[in-house]
N, C-alpha and C. Protein backbone atom coordinates (compact mmCIF):
# COMPACT_ATOMS: atom_id res chain seq x y z
N MET A 1 -11.79 2.89 -12.86
CA MET A 1 -10.90 2.74 -11.72
C MET A 1 -9.79 3.78 -11.80
N ALA A 2 -9.40 4.28 -10.66
CA ALA A 2 -8.33 5.26 -10.57
C ALA A 2 -7.05 4.57 -10.11
N LEU A 3 -5.93 5.06 -10.61
CA LEU A 3 -4.62 4.52 -10.23
C LEU A 3 -3.92 5.45 -9.26
N PHE A 4 -3.34 4.86 -8.23
CA PHE A 4 -2.56 5.60 -7.25
C PHE A 4 -1.26 4.86 -6.97
N ARG A 5 -0.20 5.63 -6.81
CA ARG A 5 1.08 5.07 -6.39
C ARG A 5 1.24 5.39 -4.92
N LEU A 6 1.39 4.35 -4.13
CA LEU A 6 1.52 4.48 -2.68
C LEU A 6 2.95 4.18 -2.28
N GLN A 7 3.54 5.05 -1.51
CA GLN A 7 4.84 4.78 -0.92
C GLN A 7 4.58 4.36 0.52
N ILE A 8 4.99 3.14 0.82
CA ILE A 8 4.62 2.49 2.07
C ILE A 8 5.87 2.10 2.86
N SER A 9 5.79 2.21 4.17
CA SER A 9 6.77 1.66 5.08
C SER A 9 6.04 0.63 5.94
N LEU A 10 6.65 -0.53 6.11
CA LEU A 10 6.01 -1.58 6.90
C LEU A 10 7.08 -2.40 7.61
N PRO A 11 6.69 -3.14 8.65
CA PRO A 11 7.68 -3.97 9.35
C PRO A 11 8.30 -4.98 8.37
N ASP A 12 9.61 -5.14 8.45
CA ASP A 12 10.32 -6.07 7.59
C ASP A 12 10.34 -7.44 8.28
N ARG A 13 9.20 -8.13 8.15
CA ARG A 13 9.08 -9.47 8.74
C ARG A 13 8.12 -10.29 7.88
N PRO A 14 8.24 -11.61 7.95
CA PRO A 14 7.36 -12.46 7.14
C PRO A 14 5.88 -12.16 7.39
N GLY A 15 5.14 -12.07 6.31
CA GLY A 15 3.70 -11.85 6.39
C GLY A 15 3.25 -10.41 6.28
N SER A 16 4.14 -9.45 6.48
CA SER A 16 3.74 -8.04 6.44
C SER A 16 3.23 -7.62 5.06
N LEU A 17 3.96 -7.99 4.03
CA LEU A 17 3.54 -7.63 2.68
C LEU A 17 2.25 -8.36 2.30
N GLY A 18 2.11 -9.60 2.73
CA GLY A 18 0.89 -10.36 2.47
C GLY A 18 -0.32 -9.72 3.13
N ALA A 19 -0.16 -9.25 4.36
CA ALA A 19 -1.26 -8.57 5.06
C ALA A 19 -1.65 -7.30 4.33
N LEU A 20 -0.65 -6.58 3.84
CA LEU A 20 -0.89 -5.35 3.09
C LEU A 20 -1.66 -5.66 1.81
N ALA A 21 -1.23 -6.67 1.07
CA ALA A 21 -1.90 -7.06 -0.17
C ALA A 21 -3.33 -7.50 0.09
N SER A 22 -3.55 -8.25 1.15
CA SER A 22 -4.91 -8.68 1.50
C SER A 22 -5.80 -7.50 1.83
N ALA A 23 -5.26 -6.52 2.53
CA ALA A 23 -6.04 -5.32 2.88
C ALA A 23 -6.40 -4.53 1.63
N ILE A 24 -5.49 -4.44 0.69
CA ILE A 24 -5.79 -3.74 -0.57
C ILE A 24 -6.93 -4.45 -1.29
N GLY A 25 -6.88 -5.77 -1.35
CA GLY A 25 -7.97 -6.53 -1.96
C GLY A 25 -9.28 -6.37 -1.22
N PHE A 26 -9.24 -6.36 0.10
CA PHE A 26 -10.44 -6.16 0.92
C PHE A 26 -11.10 -4.82 0.60
N ALA A 27 -10.28 -3.82 0.32
CA ALA A 27 -10.80 -2.48 0.00
C ALA A 27 -11.27 -2.36 -1.45
N GLY A 28 -11.19 -3.45 -2.21
CA GLY A 28 -11.62 -3.43 -3.60
C GLY A 28 -10.53 -3.01 -4.56
N GLY A 29 -9.30 -2.90 -4.06
CA GLY A 29 -8.18 -2.48 -4.89
C GLY A 29 -7.53 -3.64 -5.62
N ASP A 30 -6.82 -3.30 -6.67
CA ASP A 30 -6.09 -4.27 -7.49
C ASP A 30 -4.65 -3.78 -7.62
N ILE A 31 -3.70 -4.58 -7.17
CA ILE A 31 -2.30 -4.20 -7.27
C ILE A 31 -1.86 -4.32 -8.72
N ARG A 32 -1.36 -3.23 -9.27
CA ARG A 32 -0.91 -3.20 -10.67
C ARG A 32 0.60 -3.18 -10.78
N GLY A 33 1.28 -2.84 -9.69
CA GLY A 33 2.73 -2.83 -9.69
C GLY A 33 3.26 -2.78 -8.27
N LEU A 34 4.41 -3.41 -8.07
CA LEU A 34 5.03 -3.43 -6.75
C LEU A 34 6.54 -3.40 -6.91
N VAL A 35 7.16 -2.45 -6.25
CA VAL A 35 8.62 -2.37 -6.24
C VAL A 35 9.07 -2.31 -4.79
N VAL A 36 9.89 -3.28 -4.40
CA VAL A 36 10.49 -3.25 -3.08
C VAL A 36 11.71 -2.34 -3.19
N MET A 37 11.67 -1.23 -2.50
CA MET A 37 12.71 -0.21 -2.62
C MET A 37 13.93 -0.52 -1.76
N LYS A 38 13.69 -0.80 -0.48
CA LYS A 38 14.82 -1.08 0.41
C LYS A 38 14.30 -1.65 1.72
N SER A 39 15.24 -2.18 2.47
CA SER A 39 14.98 -2.64 3.83
C SER A 39 16.03 -1.97 4.72
N GLU A 40 15.54 -1.33 5.78
CA GLU A 40 16.46 -0.56 6.61
C GLU A 40 15.93 -0.49 8.04
N ASP A 41 16.75 -0.82 9.00
CA ASP A 41 16.39 -0.71 10.41
C ASP A 41 15.10 -1.43 10.76
N GLY A 42 14.91 -2.62 10.19
CA GLY A 42 13.73 -3.42 10.49
C GLY A 42 12.46 -2.98 9.78
N ARG A 43 12.59 -2.09 8.80
CA ARG A 43 11.44 -1.59 8.03
C ARG A 43 11.67 -1.87 6.55
N GLY A 44 10.59 -2.20 5.87
CA GLY A 44 10.62 -2.33 4.42
C GLY A 44 9.97 -1.10 3.81
N PHE A 45 10.48 -0.69 2.66
CA PHE A 45 9.95 0.47 1.96
C PHE A 45 9.58 0.04 0.55
N ASP A 46 8.30 0.19 0.20
CA ASP A 46 7.78 -0.29 -1.07
C ASP A 46 7.00 0.80 -1.79
N ASP A 47 7.03 0.73 -3.12
CA ASP A 47 6.15 1.54 -3.97
C ASP A 47 5.13 0.58 -4.58
N ILE A 48 3.87 0.87 -4.36
CA ILE A 48 2.81 0.00 -4.84
C ILE A 48 1.85 0.82 -5.69
N THR A 49 1.60 0.38 -6.91
CA THR A 49 0.61 1.02 -7.76
C THR A 49 -0.68 0.22 -7.63
N VAL A 50 -1.75 0.92 -7.28
CA VAL A 50 -3.03 0.28 -6.97
C VAL A 50 -4.14 0.93 -7.79
N ALA A 51 -5.01 0.11 -8.38
CA ALA A 51 -6.24 0.58 -9.01
C ALA A 51 -7.37 0.40 -8.01
N ILE A 52 -8.15 1.46 -7.82
CA ILE A 52 -9.28 1.39 -6.89
C ILE A 52 -10.54 1.88 -7.59
N PRO A 53 -11.70 1.40 -7.12
CA PRO A 53 -12.96 1.92 -7.66
C PRO A 53 -13.12 3.39 -7.28
N GLY A 54 -13.65 4.19 -8.17
CA GLY A 54 -13.85 5.61 -7.88
C GLY A 54 -12.56 6.39 -7.99
N ASN A 55 -12.56 7.59 -7.43
CA ASN A 55 -11.41 8.48 -7.53
C ASN A 55 -10.82 8.89 -6.19
N ASP A 56 -11.38 8.40 -5.09
CA ASP A 56 -10.96 8.84 -3.76
C ASP A 56 -10.32 7.68 -3.00
N PRO A 57 -9.02 7.80 -2.68
CA PRO A 57 -8.34 6.69 -1.99
C PRO A 57 -8.52 6.68 -0.48
N THR A 58 -9.36 7.53 0.07
CA THR A 58 -9.48 7.68 1.52
C THR A 58 -9.81 6.36 2.22
N ASP A 59 -10.79 5.60 1.71
CA ASP A 59 -11.16 4.33 2.36
C ASP A 59 -9.98 3.37 2.36
N LEU A 60 -9.28 3.25 1.24
CA LEU A 60 -8.11 2.38 1.17
C LEU A 60 -7.05 2.82 2.17
N LEU A 61 -6.77 4.09 2.22
CA LEU A 61 -5.74 4.60 3.13
C LEU A 61 -6.10 4.33 4.59
N ASN A 62 -7.36 4.48 4.93
CA ASN A 62 -7.79 4.20 6.31
C ASN A 62 -7.61 2.73 6.65
N ILE A 63 -7.92 1.84 5.73
CA ILE A 63 -7.75 0.40 5.97
C ILE A 63 -6.27 0.08 6.14
N LEU A 64 -5.42 0.65 5.29
CA LEU A 64 -3.98 0.37 5.39
C LEU A 64 -3.40 0.90 6.68
N ARG A 65 -3.85 2.05 7.12
CA ARG A 65 -3.33 2.64 8.36
C ARG A 65 -3.75 1.85 9.60
N ASP A 66 -4.81 1.05 9.46
CA ASP A 66 -5.27 0.23 10.58
C ASP A 66 -4.41 -1.03 10.77
N ILE A 67 -3.56 -1.35 9.79
CA ILE A 67 -2.68 -2.50 9.91
C ILE A 67 -1.51 -2.09 10.80
N GLY A 68 -1.24 -2.86 11.80
CA GLY A 68 -0.17 -2.52 12.73
C GLY A 68 1.18 -2.33 12.05
N GLY A 69 1.79 -1.19 12.27
CA GLY A 69 3.12 -0.92 11.77
C GLY A 69 3.21 -0.38 10.36
N VAL A 70 2.08 -0.32 9.64
CA VAL A 70 2.10 0.19 8.27
C VAL A 70 1.98 1.71 8.29
N GLU A 71 2.84 2.37 7.53
CA GLU A 71 2.78 3.82 7.37
C GLU A 71 2.66 4.13 5.88
N VAL A 72 1.67 4.93 5.53
CA VAL A 72 1.54 5.43 4.16
C VAL A 72 2.33 6.73 4.12
N LEU A 73 3.45 6.73 3.40
CA LEU A 73 4.34 7.87 3.39
C LEU A 73 3.94 8.91 2.34
N ASN A 74 3.37 8.44 1.24
CA ASN A 74 3.00 9.35 0.16
C ASN A 74 1.96 8.68 -0.74
N VAL A 75 1.08 9.48 -1.30
CA VAL A 75 0.06 9.01 -2.24
C VAL A 75 0.14 9.91 -3.47
N ILE A 76 0.31 9.30 -4.63
CA ILE A 76 0.41 10.05 -5.87
C ILE A 76 -0.62 9.51 -6.85
N SER A 77 -1.45 10.39 -7.39
CA SER A 77 -2.42 10.00 -8.42
C SER A 77 -1.66 9.74 -9.72
N VAL A 78 -1.93 8.62 -10.36
CA VAL A 78 -1.28 8.25 -11.62
C VAL A 78 -2.34 8.32 -12.72
N GLU A 79 -2.14 9.18 -13.66
CA GLU A 79 -3.12 9.32 -14.75
C GLU A 79 -2.54 8.88 -16.05
């Protein structure tokens, strides 16, 4: 499994983080770390470390981008 650190912006409302976590699981990912960075102007900003099968996060990123209001701001490979 490959590790990636995702910097995410999402709506700051109940259920948003849960939907994000469910989508990561649906894509076969495993959350290894989560840091809530800040909440600003109705948006939450989080750093999430995710382990995924294989080495290409494209499928995961596409699933996350399909969630309403979620923006993937940055993807960093963690080795």
